[in-house]
PDB file of N, CA and C in Angstrom:
ATOM      1  N   MET A   1      13.415 -82.481 -14.443  1.00  0.00           N
ATOM      2  CA  MET A   1      13.818 -80.801 -14.829  1.00  0.00           C
ATOM      3  C   MET A   1      12.966 -80.281 -15.793  1.00  0.00           C
ATOM      4  N   THR A   2      12.279 -80.466 -16.533  1.00  0.00           N
ATOM      5  CA  THR A   2      11.008 -79.981 -17.596  1.00  0.00           C
ATOM      6  C   THR A   2       9.897 -79.587 -16.570  1.00  0.00           C
ATOM      7  N   LEU A   3       9.687 -80.157 -15.394  1.00  0.00           N
ATOM      8  CA  LEU A   3       8.439 -79.889 -14.490  1.00  0.00           C
ATOM      9  C   LEU A   3       9.138 -78.509 -14.151  1.00  0.00           C
ATOM     10  N   ILE A   4       9.883 -78.680 -13.358  1.00  0.00           N
ATOM     11  CA  ILE A   4      10.508 -77.680 -12.615  1.00  0.00           C
ATOM     12  C   ILE A   4      10.720 -76.037 -13.436  1.00  0.00           C
ATOM     13  N   ASN A   5      11.131 -76.398 -15.085  1.00  0.00           N
ATOM     14  CA  ASN A   5      11.243 -75.144 -15.853  1.00  0.00           C
ATOM     15  C   ASN A   5       9.785 -74.792 -16.170  1.00  0.00           C
ATOM     16  N   THR A   6       9.267 -75.476 -16.456  1.00  0.00           N
ATOM     17  CA  THR A   6       7.401 -75.165 -16.723  1.00  0.00           C
ATOM     18  C   THR A   6       6.963 -74.216 -15.336  1.00  0.00           C
ATOM     19  N   TRP A   7       7.336 -74.795 -14.434  1.00  0.00           N
ATOM     20  CA  TRP A   7       6.942 -74.183 -13.073  1.00  0.00           C
ATOM     21  C   TRP A   7       7.443 -72.827 -13.161  1.00  0.00           C
ATOM     22  N   THR A   8       8.856 -72.496 -12.848  1.00  0.00           N
ATOM     23  CA  THR A   8       9.872 -71.591 -13.187  1.00  0.00           C
ATOM     24  C   THR A   8       9.126 -70.480 -13.766  1.00  0.00           C
ATOM     25  N   ILE A   9       8.886 -71.046 -15.276  1.00  0.00           N
ATOM     26  CA  ILE A   9       8.080 -69.985 -16.116  1.00  0.00           C
ATOM     27  C   ILE A   9       6.583 -69.678 -16.099  1.00  0.00           C
ATOM     28  N   GLN A  10       5.964 -70.473 -15.295  1.00  0.00           N
ATOM     29  CA  GLN A  10       4.536 -70.022 -14.863  1.00  0.00           C
ATOM     30  C   GLN A  10       4.718 -68.717 -13.989  1.00  0.00           C
ATOM     31  N   LYS A  11       5.477 -69.095 -12.880  1.00  0.00           N
ATOM     32  CA  LYS A  11       5.321 -68.294 -11.715  1.00  0.00           C
ATOM     33  C   LYS A  11       6.063 -66.962 -12.362  1.00  0.00           C
ATOM     34  N   LEU A  12       7.416 -66.908 -13.086  1.00  0.00           N
ATOM     35  CA  LEU A  12       8.029 -65.657 -13.786  1.00  0.00           C
ATOM     36  C   LEU A  12       6.606 -64.748 -14.830  1.00  0.00           C
ATOM     37  N   ALA A  13       5.565 -65.966 -15.470  1.00  0.00           N
ATOM     38  CA  ALA A  13       5.051 -64.749 -16.320  1.00  0.00           C
ATOM     39  C   ALA A  13       3.828 -64.423 -14.989  1.00  0.00           C
ATOM     40  N   LYS A  14       3.489 -64.971 -14.322  1.00  0.00           N
ATOM     41  CA  LYS A  14       2.372 -64.392 -13.047  1.00  0.00           C
ATOM     42  C   LYS A  14       2.963 -63.173 -12.226  1.00  0.00           C
ATOM     43  N   LEU A  15       4.261 -63.288 -11.777  1.00  0.00           N
ATOM     44  CA  LEU A  15       5.034 -62.366 -11.455  1.00  0.00           C
ATOM     45  C   LEU A  15       5.017 -60.926 -12.320  1.00  0.00           C
ATOM     46  N   GLY A  16       5.724 -61.721 -13.541  1.00  0.00           N
ATOM     47  CA  GLY A  16       5.201 -60.047 -14.929  1.00  0.00           C
ATOM     48  C   GLY A  16       4.206 -59.351 -14.912  1.00  0.00           C
ATOM     49  N   LEU A  17       3.216 -60.502 -14.710  1.00  0.00           N
ATOM     50  CA  LEU A  17       1.811 -59.929 -15.095  1.00  0.00           C
ATOM     51  C   LEU A  17       1.534 -59.220 -13.843  1.00  0.00           C
ATOM     52  N   TRP A  18       1.765 -59.383 -12.853  1.00  0.00           N
ATOM     53  CA  TRP A  18       1.240 -58.424 -11.535  1.00  0.00           C
ATOM     54  C   TRP A  18       2.127 -57.081 -11.659  1.00  0.00           C
ATOM     55  N   LEU A  19       3.314 -57.490 -12.171  1.00  0.00           N
ATOM     56  CA  LEU A  19       3.993 -55.671 -11.845  1.00  0.00           C
ATOM     57  C   LEU A  19       3.701 -55.194 -12.668  1.00  0.00           C
ATOM     58  N   THR A  20       3.174 -55.508 -14.308  1.00  0.00           N
ATOM     59  CA  THR A  20       2.488 -54.837 -14.878  1.00  0.00           C
ATOM     60  C   THR A  20       1.198 -54.078 -14.606  1.00  0.00           C
ATOM     61  N   SER A  21       0.630 -54.982 -13.986  1.00  0.00           N
ATOM     62  CA  SER A  21      -0.930 -54.277 -13.196  1.00  0.00           C
ATOM     63  C   SER A  21      -0.461 -53.272 -12.066  1.00  0.00           C
ATOM     64  N   ALA A  22       0.221 -53.653 -11.476  1.00  0.00           N
ATOM     65  CA  ALA A  22       0.651 -52.629 -10.503  1.00  0.00           C
ATOM     66  C   ALA A  22       1.283 -51.097 -10.921  1.00  0.00           C
ATOM     67  N   PHE A  23       2.044 -51.216 -11.613  1.00  0.00           N
ATOM     68  CA  PHE A  23       2.529 -50.025 -12.197  1.00  0.00           C
ATOM     69  C   PHE A  23       1.573 -49.692 -12.919  1.00  0.00           C
ATOM     70  N   GLY A  24       0.347 -50.060 -13.395  1.00  0.00           N
ATOM     71  CA  GLY A  24      -0.792 -49.599 -14.397  1.00  0.00           C
ATOM     72  C   GLY A  24      -0.436 -49.790 -15.706  1.00  0.00           C
ATOM     73  N   LEU A  25       0.283 -50.731 -15.961  1.00  0.00           N
ATOM     74  CA  LEU A  25       0.632 -50.951 -17.574  1.00  0.00           C
ATOM     75  C   LEU A  25      -0.772 -52.063 -18.007  1.00  0.00           C
ATOM     76  N   SER A  26      -0.799 -52.054 -18.978  1.00  0.00           N
ATOM     77  CA  SER A  26      -1.690 -53.017 -19.692  1.00  0.00           C
ATOM     78  C   SER A  26      -0.910 -53.985 -20.999  1.00  0.00           C
ATOM     79  N   VAL A  27      -1.300 -55.383 -20.652  1.00  0.00           N
ATOM     80  CA  VAL A  27      -0.491 -56.662 -21.800  1.00  0.00           C
ATOM     81  C   VAL A  27      -1.370 -56.895 -22.047  1.00  0.00           C
ATOM     82  N   ASN A  28      -1.427 -57.049 -23.813  1.00  0.00           N
ATOM     83  CA  ASN A  28      -2.485 -58.157 -24.246  1.00  0.00           C
ATOM     84  C   ASN A  28      -1.919 -58.742 -24.694  1.00  0.00           C
ATOM     85  N   ILE A  29      -1.535 -60.235 -24.107  1.00  0.00           N
ATOM     86  CA  ILE A  29      -0.887 -61.666 -24.769  1.00  0.00           C
ATOM     87  C   ILE A  29      -1.946 -62.105 -25.603  1.00  0.00           C
ATOM     88  N   PRO A  30      -1.278 -62.998 -26.543  1.00  0.00           N
ATOM     89  CA  PRO A  30      -2.783 -63.802 -27.194  1.00  0.00           C
ATOM     90  C   PRO A  30      -3.118 -65.145 -26.162  1.00  0.00           C
ATOM     91  N   GLN A  31      -4.029 -65.395 -26.017  1.00  0.00           N
ATOM     92  CA  GLN A  31      -4.556 -66.681 -25.095  1.00  0.00           C
ATOM     93  C   GLN A  31      -4.344 -67.707 -25.875  1.00  0.00           C
ATOM     94  N   ALA A  32      -3.834 -68.297 -26.717  1.00  0.00           N
ATOM     95  CA  ALA A  32      -3.314 -69.207 -27.802  1.00  0.00           C
ATOM     96  C   ALA A  32      -2.013 -69.350 -27.383  1.00  0.00           C
ATOM     97  N   ALA A  33      -1.218 -68.565 -26.964  1.00  0.00           N
ATOM     98  CA  ALA A  33       0.213 -68.698 -27.008  1.00  0.00           C
ATOM     99  C   ALA A  33      -0.013 -68.927 -25.079  1.00  0.00           C
ATOM    100  N   ALA A  34      -0.360 -68.634 -24.015  1.00  0.00           N
ATOM    101  CA  ALA A  34      -0.506 -69.203 -22.767  1.00  0.00           C
ATOM    102  C   ALA A  34      -1.064 -70.615 -22.882  1.00  0.00           C
ATOM    103  N   LYS A  35      -2.130 -71.180 -23.277  1.00  0.00           N
ATOM    104  CA  LYS A  35      -2.580 -72.022 -23.040  1.00  0.00           C
ATOM    105  C   LYS A  35      -2.078 -73.338 -24.106  1.00  0.00           C
ATOM    106  N   SER A  36      -1.231 -72.707 -24.731  1.00  0.00           N
ATOM    107  CA  SER A  36       0.059 -73.942 -25.886  1.00  0.00           C
ATOM    108  C   SER A  36       1.274 -74.293 -24.829  1.00  0.00           C
ATOM    109  N   ASP A  37       1.841 -75.170 -25.268  1.00  0.00           N
ATOM    110  CA  ASP A  37       3.057 -76.079 -24.825  1.00  0.00           C
ATOM    111  C   ASP A  37       3.898 -75.935 -26.479  1.00  0.00           C
ATOM    112  N   THR A  38       3.500 -75.230 -27.536  1.00  0.00           N
ATOM    113  CA  THR A  38       4.878 -74.991 -28.526  1.00  0.00           C
ATOM    114  C   THR A  38       4.451 -73.629 -28.697  1.00  0.00           C
ATOM    115  N   TRP A  39       5.331 -73.085 -29.711  1.00  0.00           N
ATOM    116  CA  TRP A  39       5.588 -71.403 -30.010  1.00  0.00           C
ATOM    117  C   TRP A  39       5.400 -72.142 -31.467  1.00  0.00           C
ATOM    118  N   THR A  40       4.299 -70.739 -31.969  1.00  0.00           N
ATOM    119  CA  THR A  40       4.639 -71.002 -33.259  1.00  0.00           C
ATOM    120  C   THR A  40       5.141 -69.064 -33.984  1.00  0.00           C
ATOM    121  N   PRO A  41       5.330 -69.287 -35.222  1.00  0.00           N
ATOM    122  CA  PRO A  41       6.267 -68.073 -35.624  1.00  0.00           C
ATOM    123  C   PRO A  41       5.246 -66.697 -34.983  1.00  0.00           C
ATOM    124  N   ASP A  42       3.984 -67.091 -35.678  1.00  0.00           N
ATOM    125  CA  ASP A  42       3.042 -65.922 -35.281  1.00  0.00           C
ATOM    126  C   ASP A  42       2.494 -65.519 -33.350  1.00  0.00           C
ATOM    127  N   THR A  43       2.893 -66.648 -32.946  1.00  0.00           N
ATOM    128  CA  THR A  43       2.665 -66.210 -31.484  1.00  0.00           C
ATOM    129  C   THR A  43       3.750 -65.794 -30.607  1.00  0.00           C
ATOM    130  N   LEU A  44       5.233 -66.407 -31.078  1.00  0.00           N
ATOM    131  CA  LEU A  44       6.109 -65.846 -30.864  1.00  0.00           C
ATOM    132  C   LEU A  44       6.076 -64.312 -31.075  1.00  0.00           C
ATOM    133  N   ALA A  45       6.302 -64.015 -32.314  1.00  0.00           N
ATOM    134  CA  ALA A  45       6.288 -62.557 -32.531  1.00  0.00           C
ATOM    135  C   ALA A  45       5.020 -61.801 -32.136  1.00  0.00           C
ATOM    136  N   ASN A  46       3.968 -62.027 -31.769  1.00  0.00           N
ATOM    137  CA  ASN A  46       3.095 -61.508 -30.908  1.00  0.00           C
ATOM    138  C   ASN A  46       3.483 -61.172 -29.614  1.00  0.00           C
ATOM    139  N   PHE A  47       4.022 -61.952 -29.157  1.00  0.00           N
ATOM    140  CA  PHE A  47       4.577 -62.015 -27.499  1.00  0.00           C
ATOM    141  C   PHE A  47       5.531 -61.231 -27.333  1.00  0.00           C
ATOM    142  N   GLY A  48       6.598 -60.975 -28.279  1.00  0.00           N
ATOM    143  CA  GLY A  48       7.802 -60.037 -28.322  1.00  0.00           C
ATOM    144  C   GLY A  48       7.642 -58.831 -28.649  1.00  0.00           C
ATOM    145  N   LEU A  49       6.211 -58.563 -29.640  1.00  0.00           N
ATOM    146  CA  LEU A  49       5.966 -57.325 -29.540  1.00  0.00           C
ATOM    147  C   LEU A  49       5.139 -56.657 -28.029  1.00  0.00           C
ATOM    148  N   GLU A  50       4.551 -57.629 -27.521  1.00  0.00           N
ATOM    149  CA  GLU A  50       3.834 -57.158 -26.120  1.00  0.00           C
ATOM    150  C   GLU A  50       4.645 -56.977 -25.422  1.00  0.00           C
ATOM    151  N   MET A  51       5.711 -57.699 -25.155  1.00  0.00           N
ATOM    152  CA  MET A  51       6.765 -57.428 -24.220  1.00  0.00           C
ATOM    153  C   MET A  51       7.902 -56.188 -24.023  1.00  0.00           C
ATOM    154  N   SER A  52       7.776 -56.007 -25.444  1.00  0.00           N
ATOM    155  CA  SER A  52       8.489 -55.084 -25.694  1.00  0.00           C
ATOM    156  C   SER A  52       8.170 -53.451 -25.685  1.00  0.00           C
ATOM    157  N   LYS A  53       6.429 -53.815 -25.584  1.00  0.00           N
ATOM    158  CA  LYS A  53       5.495 -52.334 -25.281  1.00  0.00           C
ATOM    159  C   LYS A  53       6.484 -51.708 -23.383  1.00  0.00           C
ATOM    160  N   GLY A  54       6.445 -52.583 -22.936  1.00  0.00           N
ATOM    161  CA  GLY A  54       6.950 -51.907 -21.646  1.00  0.00           C
ATOM    162  C   GLY A  54       7.936 -51.532 -21.477  1.00  0.00           C
ATOM    163  N   PHE A  55       9.209 -51.992 -22.275  1.00  0.00           N
ATOM    164  CA  PHE A  55      10.525 -51.350 -22.196  1.00  0.00           C
ATOM    165  C   PHE A  55      10.346 -49.796 -22.808  1.00  0.00           C
ATOM    166  N   GLY A  56       9.282 -49.683 -23.393  1.00  0.00           N
ATOM    167  CA  GLY A  56       9.780 -47.755 -24.298  1.00  0.00           C
ATOM    168  C   GLY A  56      11.172 -48.305 -25.236  1.00  0.00           C
ATOM    169  N   THR A  57      11.830 -47.009 -24.971  1.00  0.00           N
ATOM    170  CA  THR A  57      12.872 -46.636 -25.706  1.00  0.00           C
ATOM    171  C   THR A  57      14.135 -47.060 -25.093  1.00  0.00           C
ATOM    172  N   GLY A  58      13.723 -47.539 -23.743  1.00  0.00           N
ATOM    173  CA  GLY A  58      15.025 -48.110 -22.603  1.00  0.00           C
ATOM    174  C   GLY A  58      16.064 -49.344 -23.333  1.00  0.00           C
ATOM    175  N   LEU A  59      15.591 -50.421 -23.836  1.00  0.00           N
ATOM    176  CA  LEU A  59      16.113 -51.231 -24.809  1.00  0.00           C
ATOM    177  C   LEU A  59      16.461 -50.751 -26.522  1.00  0.00           C
TER     178      LEU A  59
END
């Protein structure tokens, strides 16, 4: 089950990055978070801040 979850998250992440590039947006996600299997408070906060940029004031 973990393998399916990991694969799904990776595919959704790639889809999200493709969609942001298709709409002309840029996302700077720290590379340490992308290569690591664990989240630290700093990487989680950075990821959340970068993801929230795409929503603007809509959420």
